[in-house]
PDB file of N, CA and C in Angstrom:
ATOM      1  N   ILE A   1      89.117  40.520  45.286  1.00  0.00           N
ATOM      2  CA  ILE A   1      88.596  39.197  45.388  1.00  0.00           C
ATOM      3  C   ILE A   1      89.780  38.437  46.067  1.00  0.00           C
ATOM      4  N   ASN A   2      90.628  38.524  45.174  1.00  0.00           N
ATOM      5  CA  ASN A   2      92.033  37.705  45.770  1.00  0.00           C
ATOM      6  C   ASN A   2      92.678  37.750  47.290  1.00  0.00           C
ATOM      7  N   ILE A   3      92.521  38.479  47.714  1.00  0.00           N
ATOM      8  CA  ILE A   3      92.653  38.923  49.070  1.00  0.00           C
ATOM      9  C   ILE A   3      91.781  38.544  49.921  1.00  0.00           C
ATOM     10  N   GLU A   4      90.389  38.387  49.565  1.00  0.00           N
ATOM     11  CA  GLU A   4      89.336  37.897  50.391  1.00  0.00           C
ATOM     12  C   GLU A   4      89.303  36.263  50.496  1.00  0.00           C
ATOM     13  N   LYS A   5      89.834  35.642  49.110  1.00  0.00           N
ATOM     14  CA  LYS A   5      90.274  34.200  49.061  1.00  0.00           C
ATOM     15  C   LYS A   5      91.038  33.702  49.909  1.00  0.00           C
ATOM     16  N   ALA A   6      92.339  34.102  49.626  1.00  0.00           N
ATOM     17  CA  ALA A   6      93.565  34.226  50.586  1.00  0.00           C
ATOM     18  C   ALA A   6      93.426  34.246  52.245  1.00  0.00           C
ATOM     19  N   THR A   7      92.480  35.327  52.441  1.00  0.00           N
ATOM     20  CA  THR A   7      92.326  35.589  53.930  1.00  0.00           C
ATOM     21  C   THR A   7      91.374  34.406  54.843  1.00  0.00           C
ATOM     22  N   MET A   8      90.131  33.849  53.763  1.00  0.00           N
ATOM     23  CA  MET A   8      89.224  32.924  54.050  1.00  0.00           C
ATOM     24  C   MET A   8      90.050  31.440  54.046  1.00  0.00           C
ATOM     25  N   LEU A   9      90.825  31.118  53.409  1.00  0.00           N
ATOM     26  CA  LEU A   9      91.885  30.010  53.473  1.00  0.00           C
ATOM     27  C   LEU A   9      92.871  29.958  54.670  1.00  0.00           C
ATOM     28  N   TYR A  10      93.323  31.320  54.775  1.00  0.00           N
ATOM     29  CA  TYR A  10      94.306  31.185  55.763  1.00  0.00           C
ATOM     30  C   TYR A  10      93.731  31.014  56.957  1.00  0.00           C
ATOM     31  N   GLU A  11      92.520  31.618  57.262  1.00  0.00           N
ATOM     32  CA  GLU A  11      91.818  31.744  58.508  1.00  0.00           C
ATOM     33  C   GLU A  11      91.697  30.203  58.707  1.00  0.00           C
ATOM     34  N   GLU A  12      91.319  29.113  57.814  1.00  0.00           N
ATOM     35  CA  GLU A  12      90.712  27.943  58.048  1.00  0.00           C
ATOM     36  C   GLU A  12      92.121  27.255  58.465  1.00  0.00           C
ATOM     37  N   ILE A  13      93.144  27.500  57.608  1.00  0.00           N
ATOM     38  CA  ILE A  13      94.357  26.842  58.086  1.00  0.00           C
ATOM     39  C   ILE A  13      94.991  27.123  59.805  1.00  0.00           C
ATOM     40  N   ASP A  14      94.655  28.478  60.149  1.00  0.00           N
ATOM     41  CA  ASP A  14      94.908  28.733  61.280  1.00  0.00           C
ATOM     42  C   ASP A  14      94.099  28.197  62.458  1.00  0.00           C
ATOM     43  N   ARG A  15      92.629  28.096  61.886  1.00  0.00           N
ATOM     44  CA  ARG A  15      91.974  27.780  62.913  1.00  0.00           C
ATOM     45  C   ARG A  15      92.015  26.069  63.074  1.00  0.00           C
ATOM     46  N   ASN A  16      92.120  25.510  61.848  1.00  0.00           N
ATOM     47  CA  ASN A  16      91.975  23.871  62.063  1.00  0.00           C
ATOM     48  C   ASN A  16      93.361  23.188  62.634  1.00  0.00           C
ATOM     49  N   PRO A  17      93.525  22.484  63.616  1.00  0.00           N
ATOM     50  CA  PRO A  17      94.379  21.965  64.371  1.00  0.00           C
ATOM     51  C   PRO A  17      95.025  20.932  63.664  1.00  0.00           C
ATOM     52  N   LEU A  18      94.411  20.397  62.375  1.00  0.00           N
ATOM     53  CA  LEU A  18      95.379  19.227  61.404  1.00  0.00           C
ATOM     54  C   LEU A  18      96.399  20.072  60.553  1.00  0.00           C
ATOM     55  N   PHE A  19      96.197  21.331  60.362  1.00  0.00           N
ATOM     56  CA  PHE A  19      96.924  22.016  59.438  1.00  0.00           C
ATOM     57  C   PHE A  19      97.896  23.048  60.144  1.00  0.00           C
ATOM     58  N   LYS A  20      99.025  23.451  59.238  1.00  0.00           N
ATOM     59  CA  LYS A  20      99.697  24.809  59.675  1.00  0.00           C
ATOM     60  C   LYS A  20     100.294  25.452  58.471  1.00  0.00           C
ATOM     61  N   GLY A  21     100.153  26.657  58.420  1.00  0.00           N
ATOM     62  CA  GLY A  21     101.088  27.347  57.419  1.00  0.00           C
ATOM     63  C   GLY A  21     102.167  27.204  57.064  1.00  0.00           C
ATOM     64  N   THR A  22     102.849  27.475  55.992  1.00  0.00           N
ATOM     65  CA  THR A  22     104.494  27.172  55.856  1.00  0.00           C
ATOM     66  C   THR A  22     105.091  28.380  55.972  1.00  0.00           C
ATOM     67  N   ALA A  23     104.096  29.743  55.964  1.00  0.00           N
ATOM     68  CA  ALA A  23     105.194  31.272  55.741  1.00  0.00           C
ATOM     69  C   ALA A  23     104.518  31.669  56.880  1.00  0.00           C
ATOM     70  N   VAL A  24     105.403  32.314  57.516  1.00  0.00           N
ATOM     71  CA  VAL A  24     104.745  33.575  58.477  1.00  0.00           C
ATOM     72  C   VAL A  24     103.857  34.436  57.857  1.00  0.00           C
ATOM     73  N   PRO A  25     102.628  34.868  58.744  1.00  0.00           N
ATOM     74  CA  PRO A  25     101.716  35.976  58.309  1.00  0.00           C
ATOM     75  C   PRO A  25     101.873  36.602  57.235  1.00  0.00           C
ATOM     76  N   GLU A  26     103.043  37.555  57.684  1.00  0.00           N
ATOM     77  CA  GLU A  26     103.555  38.928  57.176  1.00  0.00           C
ATOM     78  C   GLU A  26     104.075  38.349  55.624  1.00  0.00           C
ATOM     79  N   ASP A  27     104.327  37.289  55.447  1.00  0.00           N
ATOM     80  CA  ASP A  27     104.901  36.710  54.013  1.00  0.00           C
ATOM     81  C   ASP A  27     104.315  35.936  53.611  1.00  0.00           C
ATOM     82  N   ARG A  28     102.866  35.834  53.374  1.00  0.00           N
ATOM     83  CA  ARG A  28     101.911  34.779  52.923  1.00  0.00           C
ATOM     84  C   ARG A  28     101.559  35.270  51.607  1.00  0.00           C
ATOM     85  N   SER A  29     101.508  34.238  50.650  1.00  0.00           N
ATOM     86  CA  SER A  29     101.127  34.731  49.362  1.00  0.00           C
ATOM     87  C   SER A  29      99.798  34.862  49.352  1.00  0.00           C
ATOM     88  N   VAL A  30      99.012  35.421  48.443  1.00  0.00           N
ATOM     89  CA  VAL A  30      97.692  35.921  47.768  1.00  0.00           C
ATOM     90  C   VAL A  30      97.280  34.987  46.673  1.00  0.00           C
ATOM     91  N   MET A  31      98.330  34.398  46.476  1.00  0.00           N
ATOM     92  CA  MET A  31      97.912  33.493  44.893  1.00  0.00           C
ATOM     93  C   MET A  31      98.146  31.917  45.435  1.00  0.00           C
ATOM     94  N   ASN A  32      99.467  31.697  46.089  1.00  0.00           N
ATOM     95  CA  ASN A  32      99.739  30.417  46.276  1.00  0.00           C
ATOM     96  C   ASN A  32      99.697  30.210  47.824  1.00  0.00           C
ATOM     97  N   VAL A  33      98.952  29.129  48.453  1.00  0.00           N
ATOM     98  CA  VAL A  33      98.660  29.072  49.876  1.00  0.00           C
ATOM     99  C   VAL A  33      99.270  27.808  49.893  1.00  0.00           C
ATOM    100  N   CYS A  34     100.420  28.174  50.560  1.00  0.00           N
ATOM    101  CA  CYS A  34     101.021  26.527  51.079  1.00  0.00           C
ATOM    102  C   CYS A  34     100.814  26.394  52.526  1.00  0.00           C
ATOM    103  N   PHE A  35     100.559  25.132  52.791  1.00  0.00           N
ATOM    104  CA  PHE A  35     100.073  24.515  54.231  1.00  0.00           C
ATOM    105  C   PHE A  35     100.619  23.112  54.111  1.00  0.00           C
ATOM    106  N   VAL A  36     100.863  22.667  55.425  1.00  0.00           N
ATOM    107  CA  VAL A  36     101.360  21.194  55.916  1.00  0.00           C
ATOM    108  C   VAL A  36     100.312  20.854  56.622  1.00  0.00           C
ATOM    109  N   MET A  37     100.396  19.616  57.110  1.00  0.00           N
ATOM    110  CA  MET A  37      99.640  18.778  57.876  1.00  0.00           C
ATOM    111  C   MET A  37     100.399  19.316  59.325  1.00  0.00           C
ATOM    112  N   SER A  38      99.812  19.742  60.393  1.00  0.00           N
ATOM    113  CA  SER A  38     100.415  19.828  61.609  1.00  0.00           C
ATOM    114  C   SER A  38     101.287  18.575  62.295  1.00  0.00           C
ATOM    115  N   ASP A  39     102.105  18.948  62.710  1.00  0.00           N
ATOM    116  CA  ASP A  39     103.283  17.821  63.441  1.00  0.00           C
ATOM    117  C   ASP A  39     102.668  16.565  64.018  1.00  0.00           C
ATOM    118  N   GLU A  40     101.645  16.799  64.722  1.00  0.00           N
ATOM    119  CA  GLU A  40     101.041  15.700  65.594  1.00  0.00           C
ATOM    120  C   GLU A  40      99.972  14.895  64.484  1.00  0.00           C
ATOM    121  N   TYR A  41      99.621  15.358  63.442  1.00  0.00           N
ATOM    122  CA  TYR A  41      98.911  14.572  62.033  1.00  0.00           C
ATOM    123  C   TYR A  41      99.709  14.493  61.030  1.00  0.00           C
ATOM    124  N   LYS A  42     100.946  14.464  60.855  1.00  0.00           N
ATOM    125  CA  LYS A  42     101.723  14.336  59.851  1.00  0.00           C
ATOM    126  C   LYS A  42     101.336  12.855  59.069  1.00  0.00           C
ATOM    127  N   GLU A  43     101.091  11.978  59.760  1.00  0.00           N
ATOM    128  CA  GLU A  43     100.817  10.838  59.291  1.00  0.00           C
ATOM    129  C   GLU A  43      99.669  10.813  58.094  1.00  0.00           C
ATOM    130  N   PHE A  44      98.759  11.684  58.263  1.00  0.00           N
ATOM    131  CA  PHE A  44      97.398  11.804  57.690  1.00  0.00           C
ATOM    132  C   PHE A  44      97.788  12.628  56.337  1.00  0.00           C
ATOM    133  N   GLU A  45      98.951  13.089  56.110  1.00  0.00           N
ATOM    134  CA  GLU A  45      99.077  13.865  54.825  1.00  0.00           C
ATOM    135  C   GLU A  45      98.437  13.104  53.634  1.00  0.00           C
ATOM    136  N   GLN A  46      98.969  11.986  53.200  1.00  0.00           N
ATOM    137  CA  GLN A  46      98.411  11.224  52.177  1.00  0.00           C
ATOM    138  C   GLN A  46      97.206  11.121  52.109  1.00  0.00           C
ATOM    139  N   GLU A  47      96.536  10.576  53.149  1.00  0.00           N
ATOM    140  CA  GLU A  47      95.032  10.285  53.516  1.00  0.00           C
ATOM    141  C   GLU A  47      94.297  11.545  53.068  1.00  0.00           C
ATOM    142  N   PHE A  48      94.699  12.555  53.420  1.00  0.00           N
ATOM    143  CA  PHE A  48      94.113  14.090  53.260  1.00  0.00           C
ATOM    144  C   PHE A  48      94.167  14.302  51.674  1.00  0.00           C
ATOM    145  N   LEU A  49      95.347  14.139  51.138  1.00  0.00           N
ATOM    146  CA  LEU A  49      95.718  14.375  49.791  1.00  0.00           C
ATOM    147  C   LEU A  49      94.263  13.318  49.049  1.00  0.00           C
ATOM    148  N   LYS A  50      94.284  12.413  49.244  1.00  0.00           N
ATOM    149  CA  LYS A  50      93.292  11.026  48.519  1.00  0.00           C
ATOM    150  C   LYS A  50      91.992  11.819  48.829  1.00  0.00           C
ATOM    151  N   PHE A  51      91.750  12.029  50.001  1.00  0.00           N
ATOM    152  CA  PHE A  51      90.277  12.705  50.639  1.00  0.00           C
ATOM    153  C   PHE A  51      89.906  13.713  49.868  1.00  0.00           C
ATOM    154  N   ALA A  52      90.662  14.876  49.662  1.00  0.00           N
ATOM    155  CA  ALA A  52      90.432  15.994  48.695  1.00  0.00           C
ATOM    156  C   ALA A  52      90.181  15.721  47.460  1.00  0.00           C
ATOM    157  N   THR A  53      91.342  14.739  47.029  1.00  0.00           N
ATOM    158  CA  THR A  53      91.071  14.783  45.628  1.00  0.00           C
ATOM    159  C   THR A  53      89.717  13.900  45.223  1.00  0.00           C
ATOM    160  N   GLU A  54      89.434  13.196  46.000  1.00  0.00           N
ATOM    161  CA  GLU A  54      88.047  12.371  46.030  1.00  0.00           C
ATOM    162  C   GLU A  54      86.928  13.332  46.011  1.00  0.00           C
ATOM    163  N   ARG A  55      87.274  14.569  46.382  1.00  0.00           N
ATOM    164  CA  ARG A  55      86.129  15.364  46.263  1.00  0.00           C
ATOM    165  C   ARG A  55      86.287  16.345  45.528  1.00  0.00           C
ATOM    166  N   GLY A  56      87.171  16.563  44.640  1.00  0.00           N
ATOM    167  CA  GLY A  56      87.366  17.322  43.557  1.00  0.00           C
ATOM    168  C   GLY A  56      88.381  18.159  43.496  1.00  0.00           C
ATOM    169  N   MET A  57      89.164  18.172  44.444  1.00  0.00           N
ATOM    170  CA  MET A  57      90.259  19.187  44.828  1.00  0.00           C
ATOM    171  C   MET A  57      91.369  18.525  43.993  1.00  0.00           C
ATOM    172  N   VAL A  58      91.775  19.524  42.905  1.00  0.00           N
ATOM    173  CA  VAL A  58      92.931  18.857  41.996  1.00  0.00           C
ATOM    174  C   VAL A  58      93.957  19.836  42.065  1.00  0.00           C
ATOM    175  N   GLY A  59      95.182  19.471  41.987  1.00  0.00           N
ATOM    176  CA  GLY A  59      96.261  20.275  42.128  1.00  0.00           C
ATOM    177  C   GLY A  59      96.933  20.721  43.156  1.00  0.00           C
ATOM    178  N   ILE A  60      96.542  20.221  44.441  1.00  0.00           N
ATOM    179  CA  ILE A  60      96.812  20.830  45.496  1.00  0.00           C
ATOM    180  C   ILE A  60      97.916  20.149  46.155  1.00  0.00           C
ATOM    181  N   LYS A  61      98.613  19.328  45.680  1.00  0.00           N
ATOM    182  CA  LYS A  61      99.916  18.535  46.129  1.00  0.00           C
ATOM    183  C   LYS A  61     100.883  19.611  46.106  1.00  0.00           C
ATOM    184  N   GLY A  62     101.944  19.636  47.224  1.00  0.00           N
ATOM    185  CA  GLY A  62     102.628  20.433  47.174  1.00  0.00           C
ATOM    186  C   GLY A  62     104.139  20.059  46.610  1.00  0.00           C
ATOM    187  N   HIS A  63     105.114  20.614  46.611  1.00  0.00           N
ATOM    188  CA  HIS A  63     106.419  20.105  45.914  1.00  0.00           C
ATOM    189  C   HIS A  63     106.962  19.103  46.462  1.00  0.00           C
ATOM    190  N   ARG A  64     107.405  18.428  45.419  1.00  0.00           N
ATOM    191  CA  ARG A  64     107.893  16.954  45.582  1.00  0.00           C
ATOM    192  C   ARG A  64     109.174  16.915  46.623  1.00  0.00           C
ATOM    193  N   SER A  65     109.644  17.782  46.985  1.00  0.00           N
ATOM    194  CA  SER A  65     110.800  17.817  47.627  1.00  0.00           C
ATOM    195  C   SER A  65     110.632  18.381  49.277  1.00  0.00           C
ATOM    196  N   ILE A  66     109.504  18.989  49.436  1.00  0.00           N
ATOM    197  CA  ILE A  66     109.085  19.593  50.620  1.00  0.00           C
ATOM    198  C   ILE A  66     107.606  19.125  50.949  1.00  0.00           C
ATOM    199  N   GLY A  67     106.909  18.415  50.302  1.00  0.00           N
ATOM    200  CA  GLY A  67     105.436  17.564  50.648  1.00  0.00           C
ATOM    201  C   GLY A  67     104.374  18.879  50.855  1.00  0.00           C
ATOM    202  N   GLY A  68     103.442  18.408  51.780  1.00  0.00           N
ATOM    203  CA  GLY A  68     102.489  19.688  52.048  1.00  0.00           C
ATOM    204  C   GLY A  68     101.797  19.684  50.860  1.00  0.00           C
ATOM    205  N   PHE A  69     100.819  21.024  50.880  1.00  0.00           N
ATOM    206  CA  PHE A  69      99.896  21.129  49.994  1.00  0.00           C
ATOM    207  C   PHE A  69      99.922  22.772  49.470  1.00  0.00           C
ATOM    208  N   ARG A  70      99.601  22.824  48.127  1.00  0.00           N
ATOM    209  CA  ARG A  70      99.328  24.329  47.799  1.00  0.00           C
ATOM    210  C   ARG A  70      98.328  24.450  46.886  1.00  0.00           C
ATOM    211  N   ALA A  71      97.368  25.535  47.435  1.00  0.00           N
ATOM    212  CA  ALA A  71      96.445  25.800  46.531  1.00  0.00           C
ATOM    213  C   ALA A  71      96.749  27.355  45.629  1.00  0.00           C
ATOM    214  N   SER A  72      96.530  26.985  44.583  1.00  0.00           N
ATOM    215  CA  SER A  72      96.590  28.230  43.632  1.00  0.00           C
ATOM    216  C   SER A  72      95.153  28.710  43.349  1.00  0.00           C
ATOM    217  N   ILE A  73      95.191  30.142  43.830  1.00  0.00           N
ATOM    218  CA  ILE A  73      93.761  30.822  43.828  1.00  0.00           C
ATOM    219  C   ILE A  73      93.792  32.123  43.117  1.00  0.00           C
ATOM    220  N   TYR A  74      94.515  31.958  41.976  1.00  0.00           N
ATOM    221  CA  TYR A  74      94.652  32.888  40.888  1.00  0.00           C
ATOM    222  C   TYR A  74      93.139  33.408  40.919  1.00  0.00           C
ATOM    223  N   ASN A  75      93.048  34.314  39.838  1.00  0.00           N
ATOM    224  CA  ASN A  75      92.187  35.143  39.120  1.00  0.00           C
ATOM    225  C   ASN A  75      90.914  34.275  39.100  1.00  0.00           C
ATOM    226  N   ALA A  76      91.043  33.088  38.211  1.00  0.00           N
ATOM    227  CA  ALA A  76      90.361  32.155  37.510  1.00  0.00           C
ATOM    228  C   ALA A  76      89.678  31.170  38.630  1.00  0.00           C
ATOM    229  N   MET A  77      90.201  31.217  39.874  1.00  0.00           N
ATOM    230  CA  MET A  77      89.636  30.541  40.853  1.00  0.00           C
ATOM    231  C   MET A  77      88.819  31.076  41.600  1.00  0.00           C
ATOM    232  N   PRO A  78      87.554  30.784  41.388  1.00  0.00           N
ATOM    233  CA  PRO A  78      86.393  31.344  42.081  1.00  0.00           C
ATOM    234  C   PRO A  78      86.380  31.092  43.487  1.00  0.00           C
ATOM    235  N   LYS A  79      85.552  32.243  44.506  1.00  0.00           N
ATOM    236  CA  LYS A  79      85.525  32.156  45.553  1.00  0.00           C
ATOM    237  C   LYS A  79      84.877  30.700  46.066  1.00  0.00           C
ATOM    238  N   GLU A  80      83.982  30.150  45.325  1.00  0.00           N
ATOM    239  CA  GLU A  80      83.435  28.912  45.603  1.00  0.00           C
ATOM    240  C   GLU A  80      84.183  27.698  45.711  1.00  0.00           C
ATOM    241  N   GLY A  81      85.289  27.872  44.855  1.00  0.00           N
ATOM    242  CA  GLY A  81      86.239  26.793  44.949  1.00  0.00           C
ATOM    243  C   GLY A  81      87.334  26.945  46.269  1.00  0.00           C
ATOM    244  N   VAL A  82      87.568  27.935  46.421  1.00  0.00           N
ATOM    245  CA  VAL A  82      88.024  28.412  47.681  1.00  0.00           C
ATOM    246  C   VAL A  82      87.043  27.483  48.988  1.00  0.00           C
ATOM    247  N   GLN A  83      86.005  28.069  48.996  1.00  0.00           N
ATOM    248  CA  GLN A  83      84.996  27.273  50.068  1.00  0.00           C
ATOM    249  C   GLN A  83      85.037  25.974  50.135  1.00  0.00           C
ATOM    250  N   ALA A  84      85.311  25.622  48.886  1.00  0.00           N
ATOM    251  CA  ALA A  84      85.069  23.790  48.750  1.00  0.00           C
ATOM    252  C   ALA A  84      86.124  23.536  49.689  1.00  0.00           C
ATOM    253  N   LEU A  85      87.193  23.891  49.034  1.00  0.00           N
ATOM    254  CA  LEU A  85      88.522  23.364  49.992  1.00  0.00           C
ATOM    255  C   LEU A  85      88.331  23.272  51.252  1.00  0.00           C
ATOM    256  N   ILE A  86      87.732  24.783  51.634  1.00  0.00           N
ATOM    257  CA  ILE A  86      87.646  24.971  53.065  1.00  0.00           C
ATOM    258  C   ILE A  86      86.505  23.628  53.910  1.00  0.00           C
ATOM    259  N   ASP A  87      85.549  23.744  53.079  1.00  0.00           N
ATOM    260  CA  ASP A  87      84.822  22.259  53.796  1.00  0.00           C
ATOM    261  C   ASP A  87      85.306  21.065  53.613  1.00  0.00           C
ATOM    262  N   CYS A  88      86.276  20.948  52.719  1.00  0.00           N
ATOM    263  CA  CYS A  88      86.838  19.722  52.648  1.00  0.00           C
ATOM    264  C   CYS A  88      87.991  19.428  53.811  1.00  0.00           C
ATOM    265  N   MET A  89      88.726  20.410  54.119  1.00  0.00           N
ATOM    266  CA  MET A  89      89.458  20.244  55.355  1.00  0.00           C
ATOM    267  C   MET A  89      88.486  20.189  56.434  1.00  0.00           C
ATOM    268  N   ARG A  90      87.287  20.985  56.702  1.00  0.00           N
ATOM    269  CA  ARG A  90      86.590  20.531  57.945  1.00  0.00           C
ATOM    270  C   ARG A  90      86.076  19.521  57.897  1.00  0.00           C
ATOM    271  N   GLU A  91      85.588  18.956  56.908  1.00  0.00           N
ATOM    272  CA  GLU A  91      85.067  17.285  56.784  1.00  0.00           C
ATOM    273  C   GLU A  91      86.033  16.363  57.094  1.00  0.00           C
ATOM    274  N   PHE A  92      87.119  16.578  56.749  1.00  0.00           N
ATOM    275  CA  PHE A  92      88.685  15.942  57.192  1.00  0.00           C
ATOM    276  C   PHE A  92      88.904  15.825  58.685  1.00  0.00           C
ATOM    277  N   GLU A  93      88.495  17.194  58.915  1.00  0.00           N
ATOM    278  CA  GLU A  93      88.906  17.252  60.404  1.00  0.00           C
ATOM    279  C   GLU A  93      88.078  16.738  61.176  1.00  0.00           C
ATOM    280  N   LYS A  94      86.854  16.751  61.136  1.00  0.00           N
ATOM    281  CA  LYS A  94      85.743  15.670  61.595  1.00  0.00           C
ATOM    282  C   LYS A  94      85.990  14.369  61.762  1.00  0.00           C
ATOM    283  N   LEU A  95      86.461  13.945  60.682  1.00  0.00           N
ATOM    284  CA  LEU A  95      86.861  12.446  60.317  1.00  0.00           C
ATOM    285  C   LEU A  95      88.023  12.130  61.293  1.00  0.00           C
ATOM    286  N   ILE A  96      88.820  12.979  61.390  1.00  0.00           N
ATOM    287  CA  ILE A  96      90.027  12.667  61.995  1.00  0.00           C
ATOM    288  C   ILE A  96      89.899  12.715  63.663  1.00  0.00           C
ATOM    289  N   LEU A  97      89.255  13.957  63.924  1.00  0.00           N
ATOM    290  CA  LEU A  97      89.067  14.108  65.325  1.00  0.00           C
ATOM    291  C   LEU A  97      88.031  13.783  66.026  1.00  0.00           C
ATOM    292  N   ARG A  98      86.914  13.003  65.704  1.00  0.00           N
ATOM    293  CA  ARG A  98      85.752  12.312  66.211  1.00  0.00           C
ATOM    294  C   ARG A  98      86.024  11.736  66.932  1.00  0.00           C
TER     295      ARG A  98
END
């Protein structure tokens, strides 16, 4: 199930023009999914963090020196939690790209 959760989230990161992964596909973690705003949307990083936090996404702020986001999807994180983050990313995409 962890691979399934990671696959779901990476597929959204790869699909969504606002975001990009920080690791090449063959080196992607199944437990900690790291991503950033795409270069052309960098200015929305703090806005997305606030948007996501307001929707119950906690602990996704990336490393203080690198920025971006990190979704920890260990065993305790249900598939529904990953889907909630994906839904949040899609909602933010609609808001920014309308």
